[in-house]
């Protein structure tokens, strides 16, 4: 048996409970004992984290204490995998720049629809866009056999660095009401090696209905297993 730790919480709009519940049976079917925590306090428990093969984090925004982050980073450096999707991993702990370095990509915005059409609902930011598999990464086990695919959901504009191994990208279009004057391409799916640990991030995954998309679901399931110790 392997051990997986699910850490979830933060902004309810990303459905942290429902979203992580989608993948817990998959982990159990693949031989993991799953522990669920609703707080980052567990990251400060070094003895326990040393036994964890995979951390699945879905914890949007909120904050993390210094000793908690240091425990998380030390576990990853020692070989514990870290994986997640959307704001649950790429928009966590904005108060901690070391966390941003660990993850390798930070949510900046998700440009929405025309200002005249906005209603104040989450759907204001649901735009049609394409997730483009990077040709050089087409044989990677996380995306092998998956072609470019389209989604209508939040399209993350991500600030990232070149230490990421990018598996897929997405490109923000130029629209008459936006401030930018040329298309902007961001990583959409990437991996990162940190010490002995592997990190997997998928920016698609805003809500349950997106996580249930066949391509997104397959990529995340593969990413969880790939990141695990």
C-alpha atoms as a PDB file:
ATOM      1  CA  UNK A   1       0.000   0.000   0.000  1.00  0.00           C
ATOM      2  CA  UNK A   2       1.004   3.581  -0.658  1.00  0.00           C
ATOM      3  CA  UNK A   3      -0.079   6.638   1.296  1.00  0.00           C
ATOM      4  CA  UNK A   4      -1.815   9.657  -0.221  1.00  0.00           C
ATOM      5  CA  UNK A   5      -2.646  12.833   1.654  1.00  0.00           C
ATOM      6  CA  UNK A   6      -5.460  15.074   0.387  1.00  0.00           C
ATOM      7  CA  UNK A   7      -5.267  18.650   1.674  1.00  0.00           C
ATOM      8  CA  UNK A   8      -8.306  20.685   0.691  1.00  0.00           C
ATOM      9  CA  UNK A   9     -10.019  23.941   1.538  1.00  0.00           C
ATOM     10  CA  UNK A  10      -9.889  27.591   0.636  1.00  0.00           C
ATOM     11  CA  UNK A  11     -12.390  29.237  -1.711  1.00  0.00           C
ATOM     12  CA  UNK A  12     -15.590  27.203  -1.966  1.00  0.00           C
ATOM     13  CA  UNK A  13     -16.132  28.197  -5.601  1.00  0.00           C
ATOM     14  CA  UNK A  14     -13.578  25.588  -6.644  1.00  0.00           C
ATOM     15  CA  UNK A  15     -15.565  22.874  -4.825  1.00  0.00           C
ATOM     16  CA  UNK A  16     -12.563  21.473  -2.919  1.00  0.00           C
ATOM     17  CA  UNK A  17     -14.541  18.663  -1.284  1.00  0.00           C
ATOM     18  CA  UNK A  18     -16.488  17.570  -4.353  1.00  0.00           C
ATOM     19  CA  UNK A  19     -13.455  17.948  -6.617  1.00  0.00           C
ATOM     20  CA  UNK A  20     -11.096  15.854  -4.517  1.00  0.00           C
ATOM     21  CA  UNK A  21     -13.794  13.277  -3.886  1.00  0.00           C
ATOM     22  CA  UNK A  22     -13.767  12.578  -7.627  1.00  0.00           C
ATOM     23  CA  UNK A  23     -10.223  11.228  -7.438  1.00  0.00           C
ATOM     24  CA  UNK A  24     -10.143   9.470  -4.063  1.00  0.00           C
ATOM     25  CA  UNK A  25     -11.700   6.240  -5.427  1.00  0.00           C
ATOM     26  CA  UNK A  26      -9.151   6.266  -8.243  1.00  0.00           C
ATOM     27  CA  UNK A  27      -6.312   6.485  -5.738  1.00  0.00           C
ATOM     28  CA  UNK A  28      -7.782   3.729  -3.607  1.00  0.00           C
ATOM     29  CA  UNK A  29      -8.212   1.523  -6.670  1.00  0.00           C
ATOM     30  CA  UNK A  30      -4.519   2.064  -7.387  1.00  0.00           C
ATOM     31  CA  UNK A  31      -3.390   0.875  -3.973  1.00  0.00           C
ATOM     32  CA  UNK A  32      -3.332   4.077  -1.908  1.00  0.00           C
ATOM     33  CA  UNK A  33      -4.532   4.576   1.614  1.00  0.00           C
ATOM     34  CA  UNK A  34      -5.990   8.093   1.574  1.00  0.00           C
ATOM     35  CA  UNK A  35      -5.975  10.539   4.473  1.00  0.00           C
ATOM     36  CA  UNK A  36      -7.988  13.758   4.156  1.00  0.00           C
ATOM     37  CA  UNK A  37      -7.119  16.993   5.935  1.00  0.00           C
ATOM     38  CA  UNK A  38      -9.056  20.259   5.810  1.00  0.00           C
ATOM     39  CA  UNK A  39      -6.059  22.283   7.041  1.00  0.00           C
ATOM     40  CA  UNK A  40      -2.421  22.870   6.122  1.00  0.00           C
ATOM     41  CA  UNK A  41      -1.404  22.171   9.735  1.00  0.00           C
ATOM     42  CA  UNK A  42      -0.552  18.601   8.715  1.00  0.00           C
ATOM     43  CA  UNK A  43       2.345  19.904   6.633  1.00  0.00           C
ATOM     44  CA  UNK A  44       4.214  20.680   9.856  1.00  0.00           C
ATOM     45  CA  UNK A  45       4.153  16.998  10.877  1.00  0.00           C
ATOM     46  CA  UNK A  46       7.507  15.873   9.481  1.00  0.00           C
ATOM     47  CA  UNK A  47       7.270  12.322  10.802  1.00  0.00           C
ATOM     48  CA  UNK A  48       3.939  11.746   9.095  1.00  0.00           C
ATOM     49  CA  UNK A  49       4.897  13.434   5.809  1.00  0.00           C
ATOM     50  CA  UNK A  50       7.914  11.148   5.575  1.00  0.00           C
ATOM     51  CA  UNK A  51       5.433   8.290   5.107  1.00  0.00           C
ATOM     52  CA  UNK A  52       3.414  10.033   2.388  1.00  0.00           C
ATOM     53  CA  UNK A  53       3.975   9.086  -1.248  1.00  0.00           C
ATOM     54  CA  UNK A  54       1.624  11.662  -2.777  1.00  0.00           C
ATOM     55  CA  UNK A  55       0.076  14.930  -1.649  1.00  0.00           C
ATOM     56  CA  UNK A  56      -3.022  16.023  -3.567  1.00  0.00           C
ATOM     57  CA  UNK A  57      -3.697  19.665  -2.776  1.00  0.00           C
ATOM     58  CA  UNK A  58      -6.899  21.589  -3.545  1.00  0.00           C
ATOM     59  CA  UNK A  59      -6.595  24.732  -1.431  1.00  0.00           C
ATOM     60  CA  UNK A  60      -7.310  27.986  -3.236  1.00  0.00           C
ATOM     61  CA  UNK A  61      -5.947  31.308  -1.971  1.00  0.00           C
ATOM     62  CA  UNK A  62      -5.872  31.274   1.884  1.00  0.00           C
ATOM     63  CA  UNK A  63      -2.480  31.350   3.687  1.00  0.00           C
ATOM     64  CA  UNK A  64       0.171  28.985   4.981  1.00  0.00           C
ATOM     65  CA  UNK A  65       2.329  29.281   8.078  1.00  0.00           C
ATOM     66  CA  UNK A  66       6.116  29.296   7.772  1.00  0.00           C
ATOM     67  CA  UNK A  67       6.640  25.944   9.482  1.00  0.00           C
ATOM     68  CA  UNK A  68       3.861  24.365   7.424  1.00  0.00           C
ATOM     69  CA  UNK A  69       5.372  25.454   4.137  1.00  0.00           C
ATOM     70  CA  UNK A  70       8.840  24.386   5.212  1.00  0.00           C
ATOM     71  CA  UNK A  71       7.441  20.954   6.071  1.00  0.00           C
ATOM     72  CA  UNK A  72       5.753  20.676   2.686  1.00  0.00           C
ATOM     73  CA  UNK A  73       8.874  21.703   0.807  1.00  0.00           C
ATOM     74  CA  UNK A  74      11.089  19.357   2.822  1.00  0.00           C
ATOM     75  CA  UNK A  75       8.756  16.442   2.098  1.00  0.00           C
ATOM     76  CA  UNK A  76       8.815  17.144  -1.634  1.00  0.00           C
ATOM     77  CA  UNK A  77      12.589  17.490  -1.634  1.00  0.00           C
ATOM     78  CA  UNK A  78      12.786  14.090   0.086  1.00  0.00           C
ATOM     79  CA  UNK A  79      10.609  12.429  -2.559  1.00  0.00           C
ATOM     80  CA  UNK A  80       6.949  12.998  -1.716  1.00  0.00           C
ATOM     81  CA  UNK A  81       4.973  13.823  -4.860  1.00  0.00           C
ATOM     82  CA  UNK A  82       2.797  16.940  -5.016  1.00  0.00           C
ATOM     83  CA  UNK A  83      -0.085  17.271  -7.458  1.00  0.00           C
ATOM     84  CA  UNK A  84      -3.166  19.360  -8.051  1.00  0.00           C
ATOM     85  CA  UNK A  85      -5.251  21.362 -10.437  1.00  0.00           C
ATOM     86  CA  UNK A  86      -6.416  24.894 -11.090  1.00  0.00           C
ATOM     87  CA  UNK A  87      -6.426  27.360  -8.180  1.00  0.00           C
ATOM     88  CA  UNK A  88      -6.086  24.549  -5.668  1.00  0.00           C
ATOM     89  CA  UNK A  89      -2.371  24.413  -6.432  1.00  0.00           C
ATOM     90  CA  UNK A  90      -1.572  27.326  -8.775  1.00  0.00           C
ATOM     91  CA  UNK A  91      -3.359  29.979  -6.718  1.00  0.00           C
ATOM     92  CA  UNK A  92      -2.513  28.919  -3.173  1.00  0.00           C
ATOM     93  CA  UNK A  93      -0.716  30.903  -0.465  1.00  0.00           C
ATOM     94  CA  UNK A  94      -0.121  34.174  -2.290  1.00  0.00           C
ATOM     95  CA  UNK A  95       1.677  35.367   0.832  1.00  0.00           C
ATOM     96  CA  UNK A  96       4.558  32.929   0.311  1.00  0.00           C
ATOM     97  CA  UNK A  97       6.958  33.524  -2.566  1.00  0.00           C
ATOM     98  CA  UNK A  98       8.858  30.315  -1.781  1.00  0.00           C
ATOM     99  CA  UNK A  99       5.670  28.355  -2.455  1.00  0.00           C
ATOM    100  CA  UNK A 100       5.362  30.073  -5.828  1.00  0.00           C
ATOM    101  CA  UNK A 101       8.906  28.998  -6.661  1.00  0.00           C
ATOM    102  CA  UNK A 102       8.166  25.428  -5.596  1.00  0.00           C
ATOM    103  CA  UNK A 103       5.108  25.161  -7.855  1.00  0.00           C
ATOM    104  CA  UNK A 104       6.619  27.017 -10.799  1.00  0.00           C
ATOM    105  CA  UNK A 105       3.493  28.802 -11.984  1.00  0.00           C
ATOM    106  CA  UNK A 106       1.186  31.366 -10.423  1.00  0.00           C
ATOM    107  CA  UNK A 107      -2.343  32.258 -11.511  1.00  0.00           C
ATOM    108  CA  UNK A 108      -2.425  35.879 -12.660  1.00  0.00           C
ATOM    109  CA  UNK A 109      -5.941  36.208 -14.065  1.00  0.00           C
ATOM    110  CA  UNK A 110      -8.637  34.538 -16.145  1.00  0.00           C
ATOM    111  CA  UNK A 111      -9.816  37.182 -18.612  1.00  0.00           C
ATOM    112  CA  UNK A 112     -13.561  37.009 -19.059  1.00  0.00           C
ATOM    113  CA  UNK A 113     -16.237  37.875 -21.540  1.00  0.00           C
ATOM    114  CA  UNK A 114     -17.218  41.265 -22.949  1.00  0.00           C
ATOM    115  CA  UNK A 115     -17.908  43.800 -20.174  1.00  0.00           C
ATOM    116  CA  UNK A 116     -21.398  44.438 -21.537  1.00  0.00           C
ATOM    117  CA  UNK A 117     -22.365  40.781 -20.982  1.00  0.00           C
ATOM    118  CA  UNK A 118     -21.216  40.325 -17.391  1.00  0.00           C
ATOM    119  CA  UNK A 119     -23.748  39.161 -14.795  1.00  0.00           C
ATOM    120  CA  UNK A 120     -21.627  38.766 -11.679  1.00  0.00           C
ATOM    121  CA  UNK A 121     -21.626  34.963 -11.898  1.00  0.00           C
ATOM    122  CA  UNK A 122     -18.621  32.639 -12.266  1.00  0.00           C
ATOM    123  CA  UNK A 123     -19.698  32.095 -15.866  1.00  0.00           C
ATOM    124  CA  UNK A 124     -18.556  35.638 -16.677  1.00  0.00           C
ATOM    125  CA  UNK A 125     -15.086  34.101 -16.922  1.00  0.00           C
ATOM    126  CA  UNK A 126     -15.999  31.004 -18.932  1.00  0.00           C
ATOM    127  CA  UNK A 127     -14.493  31.413 -22.387  1.00  0.00           C
ATOM    128  CA  UNK A 128     -13.984  28.924 -25.224  1.00  0.00           C
ATOM    129  CA  UNK A 129     -10.312  28.038 -25.555  1.00  0.00           C
ATOM    130  CA  UNK A 130      -7.986  25.257 -26.596  1.00  0.00           C
ATOM    131  CA  UNK A 131      -5.509  23.235 -24.571  1.00  0.00           C
ATOM    132  CA  UNK A 132      -2.607  22.584 -26.937  1.00  0.00           C
ATOM    133  CA  UNK A 133      -0.416  19.556 -26.278  1.00  0.00           C
ATOM    134  CA  UNK A 134       3.248  20.496 -26.746  1.00  0.00           C
ATOM    135  CA  UNK A 135       4.488  18.401 -29.711  1.00  0.00           C
ATOM    136  CA  UNK A 136       7.799  17.609 -28.021  1.00  0.00           C
ATOM    137  CA  UNK A 137       5.893  16.261 -25.002  1.00  0.00           C
ATOM    138  CA  UNK A 138       3.351  14.173 -26.922  1.00  0.00           C
ATOM    139  CA  UNK A 139       4.923  10.901 -25.737  1.00  0.00           C
ATOM    140  CA  UNK A 140       4.978  11.894 -22.058  1.00  0.00           C
ATOM    141  CA  UNK A 141       2.963   9.350 -20.033  1.00  0.00           C
ATOM    142  CA  UNK A 142       0.643  12.054 -18.722  1.00  0.00           C
ATOM    143  CA  UNK A 143      -0.542  13.231 -22.159  1.00  0.00           C
ATOM    144  CA  UNK A 144       0.326  10.315 -24.457  1.00  0.00           C
ATOM    145  CA  UNK A 145      -2.445   9.689 -26.975  1.00  0.00           C
ATOM    146  CA  UNK A 146      -4.286  12.926 -26.138  1.00  0.00           C
ATOM    147  CA  UNK A 147      -4.730  15.538 -28.860  1.00  0.00           C
ATOM    148  CA  UNK A 148      -5.444  19.244 -28.506  1.00  0.00           C
ATOM    149  CA  UNK A 149      -8.861  19.724 -26.923  1.00  0.00           C
ATOM    150  CA  UNK A 150     -11.353  22.522 -26.348  1.00  0.00           C
ATOM    151  CA  UNK A 151     -12.940  23.702 -23.105  1.00  0.00           C
ATOM    152  CA  UNK A 152     -15.405  26.402 -22.082  1.00  0.00           C
ATOM    153  CA  UNK A 153     -14.282  27.420 -18.611  1.00  0.00           C
ATOM    154  CA  UNK A 154     -11.782  29.707 -16.938  1.00  0.00           C
ATOM    155  CA  UNK A 155      -8.642  30.064 -19.029  1.00  0.00           C
ATOM    156  CA  UNK A 156      -5.707  30.664 -16.725  1.00  0.00           C
ATOM    157  CA  UNK A 157      -3.126  33.284 -17.569  1.00  0.00           C
ATOM    158  CA  UNK A 158      -0.142  31.914 -15.637  1.00  0.00           C
ATOM    159  CA  UNK A 159       3.160  33.539 -14.694  1.00  0.00           C
ATOM    160  CA  UNK A 160       5.807  30.818 -14.887  1.00  0.00           C
ATOM    161  CA  UNK A 161       9.509  30.073 -15.270  1.00  0.00           C
ATOM    162  CA  UNK A 162      11.476  27.885 -17.646  1.00  0.00           C
ATOM    163  CA  UNK A 163      12.299  25.215 -15.072  1.00  0.00           C
ATOM    164  CA  UNK A 164       8.884  23.724 -15.770  1.00  0.00           C
ATOM    165  CA  UNK A 165       8.540  20.806 -18.150  1.00  0.00           C
ATOM    166  CA  UNK A 166       5.497  22.047 -20.036  1.00  0.00           C
ATOM    167  CA  UNK A 167       3.177  19.392 -21.450  1.00  0.00           C
ATOM    168  CA  UNK A 168       0.418  21.666 -22.741  1.00  0.00           C
ATOM    169  CA  UNK A 169      -0.218  25.366 -23.253  1.00  0.00           C
ATOM    170  CA  UNK A 170      -3.153  27.682 -23.843  1.00  0.00           C
ATOM    171  CA  UNK A 171      -3.177  31.022 -25.642  1.00  0.00           C
ATOM    172  CA  UNK A 172      -5.146  34.085 -24.607  1.00  0.00           C
ATOM    173  CA  UNK A 173      -6.627  35.741 -27.668  1.00  0.00           C
ATOM    174  CA  UNK A 174      -6.499  39.435 -28.444  1.00  0.00           C
ATOM    175  CA  UNK A 175      -9.942  40.987 -28.086  1.00  0.00           C
ATOM    176  CA  UNK A 176     -11.101  44.546 -28.634  1.00  0.00           C
ATOM    177  CA  UNK A 177     -11.862  45.181 -24.945  1.00  0.00           C
ATOM    178  CA  UNK A 178      -8.585  43.823 -23.534  1.00  0.00           C
ATOM    179  CA  UNK A 179      -5.426  45.765 -22.710  1.00  0.00           C
ATOM    180  CA  UNK A 180      -2.942  43.394 -24.360  1.00  0.00           C
ATOM    181  CA  UNK A 181      -2.109  43.752 -28.050  1.00  0.00           C
ATOM    182  CA  UNK A 182      -0.825  40.307 -29.008  1.00  0.00           C
ATOM    183  CA  UNK A 183      -1.722  36.727 -28.062  1.00  0.00           C
ATOM    184  CA  UNK A 184      -0.263  35.461 -24.785  1.00  0.00           C
ATOM    185  CA  UNK A 185       0.640  31.777 -24.331  1.00  0.00           C
ATOM    186  CA  UNK A 186       0.769  30.265 -20.843  1.00  0.00           C
ATOM    187  CA  UNK A 187       1.571  26.766 -19.592  1.00  0.00           C
ATOM    188  CA  UNK A 188      -1.635  24.822 -18.942  1.00  0.00           C
ATOM    189  CA  UNK A 189      -0.196  21.484 -17.805  1.00  0.00           C
ATOM    190  CA  UNK A 190       3.307  21.060 -16.472  1.00  0.00           C
ATOM    191  CA  UNK A 191       5.597  18.997 -14.290  1.00  0.00           C
ATOM    192  CA  UNK A 192       8.522  20.033 -12.153  1.00  0.00           C
ATOM    193  CA  UNK A 193      11.280  18.147 -10.359  1.00  0.00           C
ATOM    194  CA  UNK A 194      12.118  19.530  -6.921  1.00  0.00           C
ATOM    195  CA  UNK A 195      14.827  17.639  -5.109  1.00  0.00           C
ATOM    196  CA  UNK A 196      13.733  14.016  -5.187  1.00  0.00           C
ATOM    197  CA  UNK A 197      10.060  14.934  -5.544  1.00  0.00           C
ATOM    198  CA  UNK A 198       7.855  15.341  -8.586  1.00  0.00           C
ATOM    199  CA  UNK A 199       5.252  18.082  -8.985  1.00  0.00           C
ATOM    200  CA  UNK A 200       2.279  17.958 -11.370  1.00  0.00           C
ATOM    201  CA  UNK A 201      -0.032  20.878 -12.167  1.00  0.00           C
ATOM    202  CA  UNK A 202      -3.092  21.090 -14.420  1.00  0.00           C
ATOM    203  CA  UNK A 203      -4.677  24.530 -14.734  1.00  0.00           C
ATOM    204  CA  UNK A 204      -7.928  23.106 -16.198  1.00  0.00           C
ATOM    205  CA  UNK A 205     -10.127  21.998 -13.314  1.00  0.00           C
ATOM    206  CA  UNK A 206     -12.251  24.962 -12.209  1.00  0.00           C
ATOM    207  CA  UNK A 207     -15.213  22.889 -11.071  1.00  0.00           C
ATOM    208  CA  UNK A 208     -16.458  19.313 -11.051  1.00  0.00           C
ATOM    209  CA  UNK A 209     -17.929  19.482 -14.540  1.00  0.00           C
ATOM    210  CA  UNK A 210     -14.510  20.361 -15.994  1.00  0.00           C
ATOM    211  CA  UNK A 211     -12.769  17.688 -13.945  1.00  0.00           C
ATOM    212  CA  UNK A 212     -15.217  15.189 -15.431  1.00  0.00           C
ATOM    213  CA  UNK A 213     -14.184  16.060 -18.993  1.00  0.00           C
ATOM    214  CA  UNK A 214     -12.583  12.905 -20.379  1.00  0.00           C
ATOM    215  CA  UNK A 215      -9.315  14.608 -21.337  1.00  0.00           C
ATOM    216  CA  UNK A 216      -8.957  16.590 -18.122  1.00  0.00           C
ATOM    217  CA  UNK A 217      -9.843  13.607 -15.943  1.00  0.00           C
ATOM    218  CA  UNK A 218      -7.380  11.324 -17.753  1.00  0.00           C
ATOM    219  CA  UNK A 219      -4.571  13.863 -17.541  1.00  0.00           C
ATOM    220  CA  UNK A 220      -5.106  14.443 -13.821  1.00  0.00           C
ATOM    221  CA  UNK A 221      -5.349  10.747 -12.992  1.00  0.00           C
ATOM    222  CA  UNK A 222      -2.140  10.085 -14.877  1.00  0.00           C
ATOM    223  CA  UNK A 223      -0.522  13.109 -13.260  1.00  0.00           C
ATOM    224  CA  UNK A 224      -1.313  11.876  -9.764  1.00  0.00           C
ATOM    225  CA  UNK A 225       0.344   8.520 -10.434  1.00  0.00           C
ATOM    226  CA  UNK A 226       3.297  10.127 -12.236  1.00  0.00           C
ATOM    227  CA  UNK A 227       4.005  12.520  -9.342  1.00  0.00           C
ATOM    228  CA  UNK A 228       3.787   9.895  -6.632  1.00  0.00           C
ATOM    229  CA  UNK A 229       6.927   8.569  -5.014  1.00  0.00           C
END
